[in-house]
Amino acid sequence: MARTLHFPKSMDKNFAICLGLSGAAAVAVISLGIGLTVAMAAEERNAANYVGTKMCGVCHKKEDSGNQLGKWQESPHAKAFERLATTEAKEVAKKLGVENPQTSAKCLKCHSTTYNFTEACATEKIKPEEGVTCESCHGPGKDYMKKSVMENRKDAIAGGMTYPATKSCAQCHNEQSPTWKADRYTTKDGKKVGFDAELAYQKIKHPNPKVKH
């Protein structure tokens, strides 16, 4: 589904919900100017099927299998929320009329799996501060997380697993990003492009040596 950037100066209760706040606490947060905007869904993913990194880590933290959880924790994706607190991020946000990137749905739609590529909090199973978690790339795991399903790639894909995971990249790494640079990457044939999935993958890769792709 096509997406457009829309930056109205409106307030919303979604961030308070993501923080687990309600009632007077939620009102207090909103009154401080923590505003969110409701956006159209970027992709038809059922946010109710998110399970969170703890569930992923049950199987994906063993060293002999590649310790995917540990590698993710050290990756730029895991630090996506933290990055919104940097001076660079704040300068970019200011140009868009955003006071605090870490509480703005305009930023969190891609810097936190919690928002499921939208401008509304989509799940409480994943907190904004966790950044871009496993399921942003691999798809909500509820229906494919069982070992018996994961051992059969066709069954896992039928259960909602995105394969290859690089199919998810363009959800955020596209011209709509305020930090997009059309010549950020140089492909193998020398062409300048804004994004190259193969090259970008090198920054976040976490292969399982036991699995053939």
N, C-alpha and C. Protein backbone atom coordinates (compact mmCIF):
# COMPACT_ATOMS: atom_id res chain seq x y z
N MET A 1 0.84 -1.19 0.00
CA MET A 1 0.00 0.00 0.00
C MET A 1 0.88 1.24 0.00
N ALA A 2 0.57 2.18 -0.84
CA ALA A 2 1.39 3.39 -0.96
C ALA A 2 1.24 4.25 0.28
N ARG A 3 2.31 4.97 0.63
CA ARG A 3 2.30 5.82 1.80
C ARG A 3 2.64 7.25 1.41
N THR A 4 2.14 8.18 2.17
CA THR A 4 2.49 9.57 1.97
C THR A 4 2.86 10.17 3.31
N LEU A 5 3.71 11.17 3.30
CA LEU A 5 4.07 11.85 4.53
C LEU A 5 3.05 12.94 4.80
N HIS A 6 2.57 12.98 6.01
CA HIS A 6 1.58 14.00 6.38
C HIS A 6 1.92 14.47 7.77
N PHE A 7 2.14 15.76 7.94
CA PHE A 7 2.60 16.26 9.22
C PHE A 7 1.67 17.30 9.84
N PRO A 8 0.44 16.94 10.18
CA PRO A 8 -0.45 17.90 10.83
C PRO A 8 -0.02 18.12 12.26
N LYS A 9 -0.28 19.27 12.83
CA LYS A 9 0.12 19.57 14.20
C LYS A 9 -1.03 19.20 15.15
N SER A 10 -1.30 17.94 15.24
CA SER A 10 -2.39 17.47 16.09
C SER A 10 -1.85 16.61 17.22
N MET A 11 -2.64 16.44 18.24
CA MET A 11 -2.24 15.64 19.39
C MET A 11 -3.03 14.34 19.41
N ASP A 12 -2.47 13.32 20.02
CA ASP A 12 -3.13 12.03 20.05
C ASP A 12 -2.76 11.30 21.32
N LYS A 13 -3.56 10.35 21.75
CA LYS A 13 -3.34 9.63 22.99
C LYS A 13 -2.48 8.38 22.81
N ASN A 14 -2.10 8.05 21.59
CA ASN A 14 -1.44 6.78 21.33
C ASN A 14 -0.12 6.59 22.05
N PHE A 15 0.69 7.65 22.13
CA PHE A 15 1.98 7.48 22.80
C PHE A 15 1.79 7.16 24.27
N ALA A 16 0.81 7.79 24.89
CA ALA A 16 0.52 7.50 26.29
C ALA A 16 0.12 6.04 26.47
N ILE A 17 -0.65 5.53 25.51
CA ILE A 17 -1.06 4.13 25.56
C ILE A 17 0.15 3.22 25.45
N CYS A 18 1.07 3.56 24.54
CA CYS A 18 2.27 2.76 24.36
C CYS A 18 3.12 2.72 25.62
N LEU A 19 3.05 3.78 26.40
CA LEU A 19 3.82 3.84 27.64
C LEU A 19 3.09 3.13 28.77
N GLY A 20 1.89 2.64 28.48
CA GLY A 20 1.12 1.93 29.49
C GLY A 20 0.38 2.87 30.42
N LEU A 21 0.16 4.12 29.98
CA LEU A 21 -0.52 5.10 30.80
C LEU A 21 -2.00 5.16 30.45
N SER A 22 -2.80 5.57 31.41
CA SER A 22 -4.22 5.72 31.16
C SER A 22 -4.78 6.79 32.09
N GLY A 23 -6.02 7.15 31.88
CA GLY A 23 -6.68 8.09 32.76
C GLY A 23 -5.94 9.40 32.89
N ALA A 24 -5.79 9.87 34.14
CA ALA A 24 -5.17 11.16 34.41
C ALA A 24 -3.73 11.20 33.94
N ALA A 25 -3.03 10.06 34.06
CA ALA A 25 -1.63 10.03 33.63
C ALA A 25 -1.52 10.27 32.14
N ALA A 26 -2.41 9.65 31.39
CA ALA A 26 -2.39 9.83 29.94
C ALA A 26 -2.70 11.27 29.58
N VAL A 27 -3.67 11.84 30.27
CA VAL A 27 -4.03 13.24 30.01
C VAL A 27 -2.85 14.15 30.29
N ALA A 28 -2.13 13.85 31.37
CA ALA A 28 -0.98 14.66 31.74
C ALA A 28 0.09 14.62 30.67
N VAL A 29 0.34 13.42 30.14
CA VAL A 29 1.34 13.27 29.09
C VAL A 29 0.94 14.07 27.86
N ILE A 30 -0.31 13.93 27.47
CA ILE A 30 -0.79 14.64 26.28
C ILE A 30 -0.72 16.15 26.48
N SER A 31 -1.04 16.60 27.70
CA SER A 31 -1.03 18.03 27.98
C SER A 31 0.36 18.62 27.90
N LEU A 32 1.39 17.77 28.04
CA LEU A 32 2.76 18.24 27.94
C LEU A 32 3.19 18.43 26.50
N GLY A 33 2.32 18.09 25.61
CA GLY A 33 2.64 18.32 24.20
C GLY A 33 3.17 17.11 23.48
N ILE A 34 2.99 15.92 24.06
CA ILE A 34 3.45 14.72 23.37
C ILE A 34 2.36 14.34 22.38
N GLY A 35 2.52 14.78 21.15
CA GLY A 35 1.48 14.59 20.16
C GLY A 35 1.80 13.55 19.13
N LEU A 36 0.79 12.87 18.70
CA LEU A 36 0.94 11.88 17.65
C LEU A 36 -0.11 12.13 16.59
N THR A 37 0.15 11.65 15.44
CA THR A 37 -0.82 11.77 14.36
C THR A 37 -1.17 10.38 13.87
N VAL A 38 -2.42 10.22 13.51
CA VAL A 38 -2.87 8.92 13.04
C VAL A 38 -2.59 8.82 11.55
N ALA A 39 -1.90 7.76 11.14
CA ALA A 39 -1.51 7.60 9.74
C ALA A 39 -2.14 6.36 9.14
N MET A 40 -2.17 6.33 7.84
CA MET A 40 -2.66 5.16 7.13
C MET A 40 -1.66 4.03 7.30
N ALA A 41 -2.13 2.82 7.36
CA ALA A 41 -1.25 1.67 7.50
C ALA A 41 -0.36 1.53 6.30
N ALA A 42 0.92 1.26 6.56
CA ALA A 42 1.88 1.11 5.48
C ALA A 42 1.76 -0.26 4.82
N GLU A 43 1.38 -1.22 5.60
CA GLU A 43 1.27 -2.57 5.07
C GLU A 43 0.25 -3.31 5.91
N GLU A 44 -0.45 -4.23 5.31
CA GLU A 44 -1.46 -4.99 6.04
C GLU A 44 -0.81 -6.07 6.89
N ARG A 45 -0.27 -5.66 8.02
CA ARG A 45 0.29 -6.60 8.98
C ARG A 45 -0.59 -6.58 10.21
N ASN A 46 -0.93 -7.75 10.70
CA ASN A 46 -1.78 -7.84 11.87
C ASN A 46 -0.95 -7.63 13.13
N ALA A 47 -1.05 -6.46 13.72
CA ALA A 47 -0.25 -6.13 14.89
C ALA A 47 -0.58 -7.02 16.09
N ALA A 48 -1.75 -7.64 16.08
CA ALA A 48 -2.13 -8.53 17.17
C ALA A 48 -1.25 -9.78 17.19
N ASN A 49 -0.53 -10.02 16.09
CA ASN A 49 0.31 -11.21 15.99
C ASN A 49 1.77 -10.97 16.40
N TYR A 50 2.08 -9.77 16.86
CA TYR A 50 3.42 -9.52 17.35
C TYR A 50 3.63 -10.26 18.67
N VAL A 51 4.81 -10.84 18.85
CA VAL A 51 5.09 -11.58 20.08
C VAL A 51 6.21 -10.96 20.91
N GLY A 52 7.06 -10.13 20.31
CA GLY A 52 8.13 -9.47 21.04
C GLY A 52 9.45 -10.22 21.03
N THR A 53 10.51 -9.51 21.33
CA THR A 53 11.86 -10.07 21.22
C THR A 53 12.15 -11.17 22.23
N LYS A 54 11.50 -11.13 23.39
CA LYS A 54 11.75 -12.18 24.38
C LYS A 54 11.34 -13.54 23.83
N MET A 55 10.23 -13.57 23.13
CA MET A 55 9.77 -14.83 22.55
C MET A 55 10.70 -15.26 21.42
N CYS A 56 11.16 -14.32 20.62
CA CYS A 56 12.10 -14.65 19.54
C CYS A 56 13.39 -15.21 20.12
N GLY A 57 13.81 -14.60 21.23
CA GLY A 57 15.08 -14.98 21.84
C GLY A 57 15.10 -16.35 22.48
N VAL A 58 13.92 -16.93 22.71
CA VAL A 58 13.87 -18.27 23.30
C VAL A 58 14.69 -19.25 22.47
N CYS A 59 14.60 -19.11 21.17
CA CYS A 59 15.34 -20.02 20.28
C CYS A 59 16.53 -19.35 19.60
N HIS A 60 16.49 -18.03 19.47
CA HIS A 60 17.48 -17.35 18.65
C HIS A 60 18.56 -16.61 19.45
N LYS A 61 19.01 -17.25 20.52
CA LYS A 61 20.10 -16.65 21.29
C LYS A 61 21.23 -17.65 21.55
N LYS A 62 21.14 -18.80 20.93
CA LYS A 62 22.17 -19.81 21.11
C LYS A 62 23.36 -19.53 20.21
N GLU A 63 24.57 -19.58 20.77
CA GLU A 63 25.77 -19.25 20.03
C GLU A 63 25.99 -20.18 18.83
N ASP A 64 25.70 -21.47 19.01
CA ASP A 64 25.94 -22.40 17.91
C ASP A 64 24.96 -22.23 16.76
N SER A 65 23.91 -21.44 17.01
CA SER A 65 22.94 -21.15 15.95
C SER A 65 23.07 -19.71 15.43
N GLY A 66 24.10 -19.00 15.91
CA GLY A 66 24.34 -17.65 15.42
C GLY A 66 23.96 -16.52 16.35
N ASN A 67 23.30 -16.83 17.47
CA ASN A 67 22.91 -15.81 18.45
C ASN A 67 22.31 -14.57 17.78
N GLN A 68 21.23 -14.76 17.08
CA GLN A 68 20.57 -13.66 16.38
C GLN A 68 20.12 -12.55 17.33
N LEU A 69 19.65 -12.93 18.52
CA LEU A 69 19.19 -11.93 19.48
C LEU A 69 20.33 -11.01 19.89
N GLY A 70 21.48 -11.60 20.21
CA GLY A 70 22.63 -10.80 20.62
C GLY A 70 23.12 -9.89 19.53
N LYS A 71 23.14 -10.38 18.31
CA LYS A 71 23.59 -9.55 17.19
C LYS A 71 22.62 -8.42 16.90
N TRP A 72 21.33 -8.71 17.05
CA TRP A 72 20.34 -7.64 16.88
C TRP A 72 20.53 -6.56 17.95
N GLN A 73 20.79 -6.97 19.19
CA GLN A 73 20.94 -6.02 20.28
C GLN A 73 22.10 -5.04 20.05
N GLU A 74 23.08 -5.45 19.25
CA GLU A 74 24.22 -4.59 18.95
C GLU A 74 24.07 -3.86 17.62
N SER A 75 22.96 -4.06 16.96
CA SER A 75 22.76 -3.52 15.62
C SER A 75 22.13 -2.13 15.62
N PRO A 76 22.22 -1.42 14.50
CA PRO A 76 21.57 -0.11 14.37
C PRO A 76 20.06 -0.19 14.58
N HIS A 77 19.45 -1.30 14.22
CA HIS A 77 18.01 -1.45 14.40
C HIS A 77 17.62 -1.37 15.87
N ALA A 78 18.36 -2.06 16.73
CA ALA A 78 18.06 -2.06 18.16
C ALA A 78 18.27 -0.68 18.77
N LYS A 79 19.08 0.14 18.13
CA LYS A 79 19.39 1.48 18.64
C LYS A 79 18.61 2.57 17.91
N ALA A 80 17.60 2.16 17.15
CA ALA A 80 16.84 3.13 16.35
C ALA A 80 16.13 4.17 17.21
N PHE A 81 15.60 3.76 18.34
CA PHE A 81 14.93 4.70 19.24
C PHE A 81 15.95 5.64 19.87
N GLU A 82 17.07 5.09 20.31
CA GLU A 82 18.13 5.90 20.91
C GLU A 82 18.61 6.98 19.94
N ARG A 83 18.68 6.62 18.69
CA ARG A 83 19.18 7.54 17.67
C ARG A 83 18.32 8.81 17.59
N LEU A 84 17.06 8.68 17.93
CA LEU A 84 16.16 9.83 17.88
C LEU A 84 16.50 10.89 18.93
N ALA A 85 17.35 10.54 19.88
CA ALA A 85 17.76 11.49 20.92
C ALA A 85 19.04 12.24 20.56
N THR A 86 19.62 11.92 19.43
CA THR A 86 20.87 12.56 19.03
C THR A 86 20.62 13.98 18.52
N THR A 87 21.66 14.77 18.54
CA THR A 87 21.56 16.14 18.04
C THR A 87 21.15 16.16 16.57
N GLU A 88 21.72 15.26 15.81
CA GLU A 88 21.39 15.18 14.39
C GLU A 88 19.90 14.92 14.17
N ALA A 89 19.35 13.98 14.92
CA ALA A 89 17.93 13.64 14.79
C ALA A 89 17.05 14.81 15.19
N LYS A 90 17.43 15.49 16.24
CA LYS A 90 16.64 16.64 16.70
C LYS A 90 16.65 17.77 15.69
N GLU A 91 17.77 17.94 15.01
CA GLU A 91 17.85 18.99 13.99
C GLU A 91 16.95 18.67 12.81
N VAL A 92 16.94 17.39 12.40
CA VAL A 92 16.07 16.96 11.31
C VAL A 92 14.61 17.13 11.72
N ALA A 93 14.30 16.74 12.95
CA ALA A 93 12.92 16.81 13.45
C ALA A 93 12.43 18.26 13.53
N LYS A 94 13.31 19.14 13.93
CA LYS A 94 12.94 20.55 14.06
C LYS A 94 12.47 21.13 12.73
N LYS A 95 13.11 20.71 11.65
CA LYS A 95 12.71 21.18 10.32
C LYS A 95 11.32 20.69 9.94
N LEU A 96 10.89 19.61 10.58
CA LEU A 96 9.57 19.05 10.30
C LEU A 96 8.53 19.49 11.31
N GLY A 97 8.94 20.36 12.22
CA GLY A 97 8.01 20.84 13.23
C GLY A 97 7.83 19.88 14.39
N VAL A 98 8.79 18.97 14.57
CA VAL A 98 8.74 17.99 15.65
C VAL A 98 9.64 18.42 16.79
N GLU A 99 9.08 18.56 17.98
CA GLU A 99 9.85 19.02 19.12
C GLU A 99 10.70 17.89 19.72
N ASN A 100 10.09 16.73 19.87
CA ASN A 100 10.79 15.59 20.49
C ASN A 100 10.61 14.35 19.61
N PRO A 101 11.62 13.95 18.86
CA PRO A 101 11.52 12.79 17.96
C PRO A 101 11.13 11.50 18.67
N GLN A 102 11.54 11.35 19.93
CA GLN A 102 11.28 10.11 20.65
C GLN A 102 9.83 9.96 21.10
N THR A 103 9.03 11.00 20.92
CA THR A 103 7.62 10.90 21.27
C THR A 103 6.72 11.24 20.08
N SER A 104 7.33 11.36 18.94
CA SER A 104 6.56 11.71 17.74
C SER A 104 6.30 10.50 16.86
N ALA A 105 5.05 10.27 16.54
CA ALA A 105 4.68 9.13 15.70
C ALA A 105 5.25 9.28 14.29
N LYS A 106 5.52 10.50 13.89
CA LYS A 106 6.12 10.73 12.57
C LYS A 106 7.48 10.04 12.48
N CYS A 107 8.16 9.98 13.61
CA CYS A 107 9.48 9.35 13.68
C CYS A 107 9.39 7.89 14.10
N LEU A 108 8.51 7.64 15.06
CA LEU A 108 8.41 6.29 15.62
C LEU A 108 7.81 5.28 14.65
N LYS A 109 7.12 5.74 13.64
CA LYS A 109 6.55 4.81 12.66
C LYS A 109 7.64 3.94 12.03
N CYS A 110 8.86 4.46 11.97
CA CYS A 110 9.96 3.69 11.42
C CYS A 110 11.08 3.41 12.43
N HIS A 111 11.06 4.08 13.54
CA HIS A 111 12.10 3.87 14.55
C HIS A 111 11.63 2.97 15.69
N SER A 112 10.43 2.43 15.58
CA SER A 112 9.92 1.53 16.60
C SER A 112 8.90 0.57 16.00
N THR A 113 9.09 -0.70 16.25
CA THR A 113 8.15 -1.72 15.77
C THR A 113 6.79 -1.53 16.41
N THR A 114 6.74 -0.89 17.56
CA THR A 114 5.49 -0.64 18.26
C THR A 114 4.44 -0.01 17.35
N TYR A 115 4.89 0.79 16.41
CA TYR A 115 3.96 1.54 15.56
C TYR A 115 3.60 0.82 14.25
N ASN A 116 4.23 -0.31 14.00
CA ASN A 116 3.83 -1.15 12.87
C ASN A 116 3.77 -0.37 11.55
N PHE A 117 4.74 0.52 11.34
CA PHE A 117 4.85 1.34 10.13
C PHE A 117 3.69 2.33 9.96
N THR A 118 3.04 2.67 11.05
CA THR A 118 1.95 3.65 11.00
C THR A 118 2.24 4.77 11.99
N GLU A 119 1.35 5.72 12.10
CA GLU A 119 1.51 6.79 13.06
C GLU A 119 0.58 6.59 14.26
N ALA A 120 0.32 5.34 14.58
CA ALA A 120 -0.49 5.01 15.75
C ALA A 120 0.12 3.82 16.46
N CYS A 121 0.11 3.84 17.78
CA CYS A 121 0.61 2.72 18.56
C CYS A 121 -0.21 1.49 18.22
N ALA A 122 0.46 0.42 17.79
CA ALA A 122 -0.25 -0.76 17.30
C ALA A 122 -0.19 -1.96 18.24
N THR A 123 0.76 -1.97 19.15
CA THR A 123 0.89 -3.11 20.07
C THR A 123 1.55 -2.69 21.37
N GLU A 124 1.16 -3.33 22.45
CA GLU A 124 1.77 -3.08 23.75
C GLU A 124 2.79 -4.16 24.09
N LYS A 125 2.94 -5.13 23.22
CA LYS A 125 3.88 -6.22 23.46
C LYS A 125 5.32 -5.78 23.18
N ILE A 126 5.46 -4.69 22.46
CA ILE A 126 6.78 -4.15 22.13
C ILE A 126 6.80 -2.68 22.54
N LYS A 127 7.79 -2.28 23.29
CA LYS A 127 7.89 -0.90 23.76
C LYS A 127 8.66 -0.05 22.76
N PRO A 128 8.31 1.23 22.64
CA PRO A 128 9.00 2.13 21.70
C PRO A 128 10.50 2.11 21.85
N GLU A 129 10.98 2.06 23.10
CA GLU A 129 12.42 2.12 23.35
C GLU A 129 13.18 0.89 22.87
N GLU A 130 12.47 -0.16 22.49
CA GLU A 130 13.14 -1.35 21.95
C GLU A 130 13.60 -1.14 20.51
N GLY A 131 13.15 -0.06 19.90
CA GLY A 131 13.59 0.24 18.54
C GLY A 131 12.95 -0.65 17.49
N VAL A 132 13.72 -0.93 16.45
CA VAL A 132 13.24 -1.78 15.35
C VAL A 132 13.58 -3.22 15.71
N THR A 133 12.59 -3.98 16.06
CA THR A 133 12.81 -5.34 16.54
C THR A 133 12.68 -6.38 15.42
N CYS A 134 12.90 -7.61 15.79
CA CYS A 134 12.90 -8.74 14.83
C CYS A 134 11.72 -8.71 13.86
N GLU A 135 10.53 -8.46 14.41
CA GLU A 135 9.32 -8.62 13.62
C GLU A 135 9.05 -7.49 12.64
N SER A 136 9.77 -6.39 12.74
CA SER A 136 9.64 -5.35 11.72
C SER A 136 10.12 -5.89 10.38
N CYS A 137 11.16 -6.70 10.45
CA CYS A 137 11.76 -7.26 9.23
C CYS A 137 11.17 -8.63 8.87
N HIS A 138 10.99 -9.47 9.88
CA HIS A 138 10.58 -10.85 9.63
C HIS A 138 9.09 -11.08 9.68
N GLY A 139 8.33 -10.07 10.10
CA GLY A 139 6.88 -10.21 10.17
C GLY A 139 6.42 -10.67 11.54
N PRO A 140 5.20 -10.29 11.96
CA PRO A 140 4.65 -10.71 13.25
C PRO A 140 4.72 -12.23 13.41
N GLY A 141 5.23 -12.71 14.55
CA GLY A 141 5.59 -14.11 14.67
C GLY A 141 4.61 -15.10 15.26
N LYS A 142 3.46 -14.65 15.70
CA LYS A 142 2.54 -15.53 16.41
C LYS A 142 2.25 -16.84 15.67
N ASP A 143 2.02 -16.76 14.37
CA ASP A 143 1.59 -17.94 13.61
C ASP A 143 2.73 -18.74 12.97
N TYR A 144 3.97 -18.31 13.17
CA TYR A 144 5.07 -19.10 12.62
C TYR A 144 6.19 -19.35 13.63
N MET A 145 6.00 -18.92 14.87
CA MET A 145 7.07 -19.00 15.86
C MET A 145 7.35 -20.41 16.38
N LYS A 146 6.41 -21.32 16.26
CA LYS A 146 6.65 -22.68 16.75
C LYS A 146 7.78 -23.33 15.97
N LYS A 147 8.59 -24.09 16.66
CA LYS A 147 9.73 -24.75 16.03
C LYS A 147 9.29 -25.64 14.88
N SER A 148 8.18 -26.34 15.04
CA SER A 148 7.69 -27.23 14.00
C SER A 148 7.33 -26.49 12.73
N VAL A 149 6.94 -25.23 12.87
CA VAL A 149 6.61 -24.40 11.71
C VAL A 149 7.87 -23.78 11.13
N MET A 150 8.72 -23.27 11.99
CA MET A 150 9.94 -22.61 11.54
C MET A 150 10.88 -23.56 10.78
N GLU A 151 10.79 -24.84 11.08
CA GLU A 151 11.65 -25.81 10.41
C GLU A 151 11.25 -26.05 8.96
N ASN A 152 10.07 -25.56 8.59
CA ASN A 152 9.59 -25.68 7.22
C ASN A 152 9.33 -24.27 6.68
N ARG A 153 10.21 -23.80 5.80
CA ARG A 153 10.13 -22.42 5.34
C ARG A 153 8.78 -22.08 4.70
N LYS A 154 8.24 -23.00 3.93
CA LYS A 154 6.95 -22.74 3.28
C LYS A 154 5.86 -22.54 4.32
N ASP A 155 5.88 -23.35 5.36
CA ASP A 155 4.89 -23.21 6.42
C ASP A 155 5.08 -21.89 7.16
N ALA A 156 6.33 -21.52 7.39
CA ALA A 156 6.62 -20.27 8.10
C ALA A 156 6.13 -19.07 7.29
N ILE A 157 6.37 -19.08 6.00
CA ILE A 157 5.90 -18.00 5.13
C ILE A 157 4.38 -17.95 5.12
N ALA A 158 3.75 -19.12 5.09
CA ALA A 158 2.29 -19.18 5.12
C ALA A 158 1.76 -18.63 6.44
N GLY A 159 2.59 -18.73 7.49
CA GLY A 159 2.20 -18.24 8.81
C GLY A 159 2.49 -16.77 9.03
N GLY A 160 3.01 -16.11 8.01
CA GLY A 160 3.24 -14.67 8.13
C GLY A 160 4.68 -14.23 8.15
N MET A 161 5.62 -15.15 8.05
CA MET A 161 7.02 -14.76 8.03
C MET A 161 7.37 -14.10 6.69
N THR A 162 8.03 -12.98 6.75
CA THR A 162 8.47 -12.29 5.54
C THR A 162 9.80 -12.88 5.10
N TYR A 163 9.84 -13.43 3.90
CA TYR A 163 11.07 -14.04 3.39
C TYR A 163 11.24 -13.73 1.91
N PRO A 164 12.42 -13.24 1.54
CA PRO A 164 13.49 -12.84 2.45
C PRO A 164 13.11 -11.59 3.23
N ALA A 165 13.72 -11.39 4.37
CA ALA A 165 13.38 -10.27 5.23
C ALA A 165 13.65 -8.92 4.57
N THR A 166 14.52 -8.91 3.57
CA THR A 166 14.83 -7.66 2.87
C THR A 166 13.62 -7.09 2.13
N LYS A 167 12.56 -7.87 2.02
CA LYS A 167 11.33 -7.36 1.41
C LYS A 167 10.73 -6.23 2.27
N SER A 168 11.11 -6.22 3.55
CA SER A 168 10.56 -5.22 4.47
C SER A 168 11.31 -3.89 4.45
N CYS A 169 12.51 -3.89 3.91
CA CYS A 169 13.38 -2.70 3.98
C CYS A 169 12.72 -1.42 3.46
N ALA A 170 12.07 -1.53 2.31
CA ALA A 170 11.52 -0.35 1.65
C ALA A 170 10.37 0.30 2.40
N GLN A 171 9.89 -0.36 3.45
CA GLN A 171 8.84 0.26 4.26
C GLN A 171 9.33 1.59 4.84
N CYS A 172 10.62 1.63 5.17
CA CYS A 172 11.17 2.84 5.78
C CYS A 172 12.34 3.44 5.02
N HIS A 173 13.10 2.59 4.36
CA HIS A 173 14.25 3.08 3.62
C HIS A 173 13.80 3.49 2.22
N ASN A 174 13.20 4.67 2.14
CA ASN A 174 12.66 5.15 0.87
C ASN A 174 12.70 6.68 0.82
N GLU A 175 12.23 7.24 -0.26
CA GLU A 175 12.30 8.68 -0.49
C GLU A 175 11.51 9.50 0.52
N GLN A 176 10.63 8.88 1.26
CA GLN A 176 9.83 9.60 2.24
C GLN A 176 10.60 9.88 3.52
N SER A 177 11.72 9.21 3.70
CA SER A 177 12.53 9.44 4.89
C SER A 177 13.14 10.83 4.84
N PRO A 178 13.06 11.60 5.94
CA PRO A 178 13.63 12.96 5.95
C PRO A 178 15.16 12.98 5.85
N THR A 179 15.80 11.82 6.02
CA THR A 179 17.26 11.76 5.90
C THR A 179 17.69 11.01 4.64
N TRP A 180 16.77 10.85 3.73
CA TRP A 180 17.06 10.13 2.48
C TRP A 180 18.12 10.84 1.66
N LYS A 181 19.08 10.07 1.15
CA LYS A 181 20.10 10.60 0.25
C LYS A 181 20.13 9.71 -0.99
N ALA A 182 19.90 10.29 -2.12
CA ALA A 182 19.78 9.51 -3.36
C ALA A 182 21.07 8.81 -3.76
N ASP A 183 22.20 9.24 -3.19
CA ASP A 183 23.49 8.63 -3.55
C ASP A 183 24.18 8.00 -2.34
N ARG A 184 23.42 7.56 -1.37
CA ARG A 184 23.99 7.01 -0.14
C ARG A 184 24.80 5.74 -0.38
N TYR A 185 24.35 4.89 -1.29
CA TYR A 185 25.02 3.62 -1.55
C TYR A 185 25.57 3.56 -2.97
N THR A 186 26.63 2.81 -3.13
CA THR A 186 27.20 2.55 -4.46
C THR A 186 27.09 1.05 -4.72
N THR A 187 26.33 0.68 -5.74
CA THR A 187 26.11 -0.72 -6.05
C THR A 187 27.37 -1.36 -6.64
N LYS A 188 27.33 -2.67 -6.82
CA LYS A 188 28.48 -3.39 -7.34
C LYS A 188 28.88 -2.91 -8.73
N ASP A 189 27.91 -2.43 -9.48
CA ASP A 189 28.22 -1.96 -10.83
C ASP A 189 28.52 -0.46 -10.88
N GLY A 190 28.71 0.14 -9.68
CA GLY A 190 29.12 1.53 -9.61
C GLY A 190 28.00 2.55 -9.63
N LYS A 191 26.77 2.11 -9.59
CA LYS A 191 25.63 3.02 -9.64
C LYS A 191 25.33 3.59 -8.25
N LYS A 192 25.03 4.88 -8.20
CA LYS A 192 24.69 5.53 -6.95
C LYS A 192 23.18 5.39 -6.71
N VAL A 193 22.81 4.90 -5.54
CA VAL A 193 21.40 4.72 -5.21
C VAL A 193 21.15 5.14 -3.77
N GLY A 194 19.90 5.39 -3.48
CA GLY A 194 19.54 5.80 -2.13
C GLY A 194 19.54 4.66 -1.14
N PHE A 195 19.25 3.46 -1.63
CA PHE A 195 19.25 2.29 -0.76
C PHE A 195 19.57 1.04 -1.55
N ASP A 196 20.38 0.19 -0.97
CA ASP A 196 20.72 -1.09 -1.56
C ASP A 196 20.59 -2.14 -0.47
N ALA A 197 19.60 -3.01 -0.59
CA ALA A 197 19.30 -3.98 0.45
C ALA A 197 20.48 -4.89 0.76
N GLU A 198 21.19 -5.30 -0.28
CA GLU A 198 22.30 -6.22 -0.08
C GLU A 198 23.43 -5.58 0.73
N LEU A 199 23.73 -4.33 0.42
CA LEU A 199 24.78 -3.63 1.15
C LEU A 199 24.34 -3.28 2.58
N ALA A 200 23.10 -2.85 2.71
CA ALA A 200 22.58 -2.48 4.02
C ALA A 200 22.50 -3.69 4.94
N TYR A 201 22.23 -4.84 4.36
CA TYR A 201 22.12 -6.07 5.14
C TYR A 201 23.41 -6.37 5.91
N GLN A 202 24.53 -5.96 5.36
CA GLN A 202 25.81 -6.22 6.01
C GLN A 202 25.90 -5.55 7.39
N LYS A 203 25.10 -4.49 7.59
CA LYS A 203 25.14 -3.76 8.86
C LYS A 203 24.32 -4.45 9.95
N ILE A 204 23.39 -5.29 9.55
CA ILE A 204 22.47 -5.88 10.54
C ILE A 204 22.38 -7.40 10.43
N LYS A 205 23.19 -8.01 9.61
CA LYS A 205 23.08 -9.45 9.35
C LYS A 205 23.29 -10.28 10.61
N HIS A 206 22.56 -11.36 10.70
CA HIS A 206 22.64 -12.27 11.86
C HIS A 206 22.27 -13.68 11.39
N PRO A 207 23.05 -14.25 10.50
CA PRO A 207 22.72 -15.55 9.91
C PRO A 207 22.81 -16.72 10.89
N ASN A 208 22.06 -17.73 10.59
CA ASN A 208 22.13 -18.99 11.34
C ASN A 208 22.98 -19.94 10.51
N PRO A 209 24.16 -20.31 10.98
CA PRO A 209 25.06 -21.17 10.21
C PRO A 209 24.47 -22.55 9.90
N LYS A 210 23.40 -22.90 10.59
CA LYS A 210 22.78 -24.21 10.38
C LYS A 210 21.71 -24.19 9.27
N VAL A 211 21.39 -22.99 8.81
CA VAL A 211 20.31 -22.86 7.83
C VAL A 211 20.84 -22.47 6.47
N LYS A 212 20.41 -23.15 5.44
CA LYS A 212 20.79 -22.84 4.06
C LYS A 212 19.73 -21.94 3.45
N HIS A 213 20.18 -20.90 2.76
CA HIS A 213 19.23 -19.97 2.13
C HIS A 213 19.30 -20.11 0.62
